[in-house]
């Protein structure tokens, strides 16, 4: 019954913006650590951003730092990923994942530490 569904993907031009949403069903996001991952064709799935119990507890990989912003709205049971200044290298299927929140642990965890994954949403950035 625990499910995550991503939305907001699509086709944008280089320099454009998209906001991805991750809606949880069957459980509350309040006590979950959420990570955003992406997988480009021919590449391994990589973690790009994570969020802990508050909007102040966030982490980003260098390739998206300053361009992407992760946030959560617990009242809506939703986590967002605002993506600005998108580049062709950002083209990938984007996934959100939920894991058990661990105090003192990494904000962006390894894929095996997440118990629920969404089906993904495709982001395509044209040049």
Protein backbone atom coordinates (compact mmCIF):
# COMPACT_ATOMS: atom_id res chain seq x y z
CA UNK A 1 0.00 0.00 0.00
CA UNK A 2 3.00 2.28 0.31
CA UNK A 3 3.37 4.12 -2.98
CA UNK A 4 5.18 7.09 -4.45
CA UNK A 5 4.20 8.76 -7.71
CA UNK A 6 6.32 11.33 -9.51
CA UNK A 7 4.89 13.98 -11.79
CA UNK A 8 6.02 17.12 -13.58
CA UNK A 9 8.41 15.70 -16.13
CA UNK A 10 8.36 16.71 -19.75
CA UNK A 11 10.27 18.29 -22.60
CA UNK A 12 11.96 21.64 -22.06
CA UNK A 13 14.59 23.69 -23.82
CA UNK A 14 18.03 24.29 -22.41
CA UNK A 15 17.83 26.92 -19.69
CA UNK A 16 14.23 26.11 -18.87
CA UNK A 17 12.71 24.99 -15.61
CA UNK A 18 10.55 22.18 -14.31
CA UNK A 19 9.13 21.31 -10.93
CA UNK A 20 8.86 17.65 -10.08
CA UNK A 21 6.46 16.41 -7.43
CA UNK A 22 6.60 13.22 -5.40
CA UNK A 23 3.28 12.30 -3.81
CA UNK A 24 3.15 9.62 -1.14
CA UNK A 25 0.17 7.33 -0.57
CA UNK A 26 -0.41 4.87 2.23
CA UNK A 27 2.11 6.43 4.60
CA UNK A 28 3.11 9.83 5.89
CA UNK A 29 6.21 11.57 4.62
CA UNK A 30 6.71 13.38 7.92
CA UNK A 31 9.12 10.78 9.25
CA UNK A 32 10.64 9.73 5.95
CA UNK A 33 13.88 10.69 4.31
CA UNK A 34 13.27 11.43 0.64
CA UNK A 35 15.81 11.17 -2.13
CA UNK A 36 15.70 12.14 -5.78
CA UNK A 37 17.58 9.94 -8.22
CA UNK A 38 17.97 9.97 -11.96
CA UNK A 39 19.06 7.53 -14.61
CA UNK A 40 20.18 8.58 -18.06
CA UNK A 41 20.35 6.12 -20.97
CA UNK A 42 23.37 3.87 -20.63
CA UNK A 43 24.25 5.16 -17.17
CA UNK A 44 23.75 3.97 -13.62
CA UNK A 45 21.13 5.45 -11.37
CA UNK A 46 22.61 8.30 -9.37
CA UNK A 47 21.40 10.17 -6.34
CA UNK A 48 21.15 13.90 -6.88
CA UNK A 49 19.34 15.32 -3.86
CA UNK A 50 17.97 14.34 -0.48
CA UNK A 51 15.92 15.89 2.28
CA UNK A 52 15.58 14.97 5.94
CA UNK A 53 13.04 15.97 8.54
CA UNK A 54 13.09 19.68 7.75
CA UNK A 55 13.56 21.88 4.72
CA UNK A 56 16.88 22.97 6.22
CA UNK A 57 18.26 19.43 6.13
CA UNK A 58 19.06 19.04 2.44
CA UNK A 59 21.90 17.74 0.33
CA UNK A 60 22.82 18.01 -3.35
CA UNK A 61 25.44 16.60 -5.61
CA UNK A 62 27.74 19.18 -7.17
CA UNK A 63 26.27 18.81 -10.64
CA UNK A 64 22.88 20.19 -9.53
CA UNK A 65 23.86 22.40 -6.60
CA UNK A 66 22.66 25.95 -7.14
CA UNK A 67 20.22 24.89 -9.85
CA UNK A 68 17.96 22.39 -8.10
CA UNK A 69 16.05 22.90 -4.87
CA UNK A 70 14.40 20.14 -2.86
CA UNK A 71 11.60 20.88 -0.43
CA UNK A 72 8.79 19.13 1.39
CA UNK A 73 5.21 19.98 2.25
CA UNK A 74 4.15 17.49 4.88
CA UNK A 75 0.56 18.75 4.88
CA UNK A 76 0.30 17.69 1.24
CA UNK A 77 2.42 14.56 1.74
CA UNK A 78 4.55 15.79 -1.14
CA UNK A 79 8.22 16.45 -1.84
CA UNK A 80 9.24 18.75 -4.65
CA UNK A 81 12.30 19.18 -6.80
CA UNK A 82 12.53 22.58 -8.45
CA UNK A 83 14.91 22.34 -11.39
CA UNK A 84 16.21 25.55 -12.96
CA UNK A 85 18.62 26.21 -15.81
CA UNK A 86 18.18 22.70 -17.12
CA UNK A 87 20.84 21.37 -19.46
CA UNK A 88 20.84 18.48 -21.94
CA UNK A 89 22.96 16.45 -19.51
CA UNK A 90 20.01 16.57 -17.10
CA UNK A 91 17.98 14.40 -19.47
CA UNK A 92 17.02 11.28 -17.54
CA UNK A 93 14.23 9.41 -15.84
CA UNK A 94 13.82 10.94 -12.39
CA UNK A 95 12.77 8.86 -9.41
CA UNK A 96 11.84 9.72 -5.87
CA UNK A 97 12.41 7.30 -3.02
CA UNK A 98 11.43 7.13 0.64
CA UNK A 99 13.42 5.66 3.49
CA UNK A 100 13.31 5.55 7.25
CA UNK A 101 14.67 8.72 8.78
CA UNK A 102 17.79 8.16 10.85
CA UNK A 103 19.08 10.93 13.06
CA UNK A 104 22.72 11.63 12.33
CA UNK A 105 22.68 9.59 9.17
CA UNK A 106 23.34 10.82 5.64
CA UNK A 107 20.64 12.98 4.12
CA UNK A 108 21.06 11.39 0.71
CA UNK A 109 21.35 7.67 1.32
CA UNK A 110 22.41 4.78 -0.85
CA UNK A 111 19.65 3.31 -3.04
CA UNK A 112 19.40 0.15 -0.93
CA UNK A 113 18.41 2.21 2.11
CA UNK A 114 15.15 3.38 0.55
CA UNK A 115 12.12 1.12 0.99
CA UNK A 116 9.72 2.66 -1.53
CA UNK A 117 10.30 3.96 -5.04
CA UNK A 118 8.15 5.72 -7.57
CA UNK A 119 7.90 4.58 -11.19
CA UNK A 120 9.79 7.61 -12.47
CA UNK A 121 9.07 10.58 -14.68
CA UNK A 122 10.98 11.44 -17.83
CA UNK A 123 12.74 14.77 -18.17
CA UNK A 124 14.07 15.64 -21.62
CA UNK A 125 16.11 18.80 -22.17
CA UNK A 126 16.74 19.87 -25.74
CA UNK A 127 19.58 22.08 -26.87
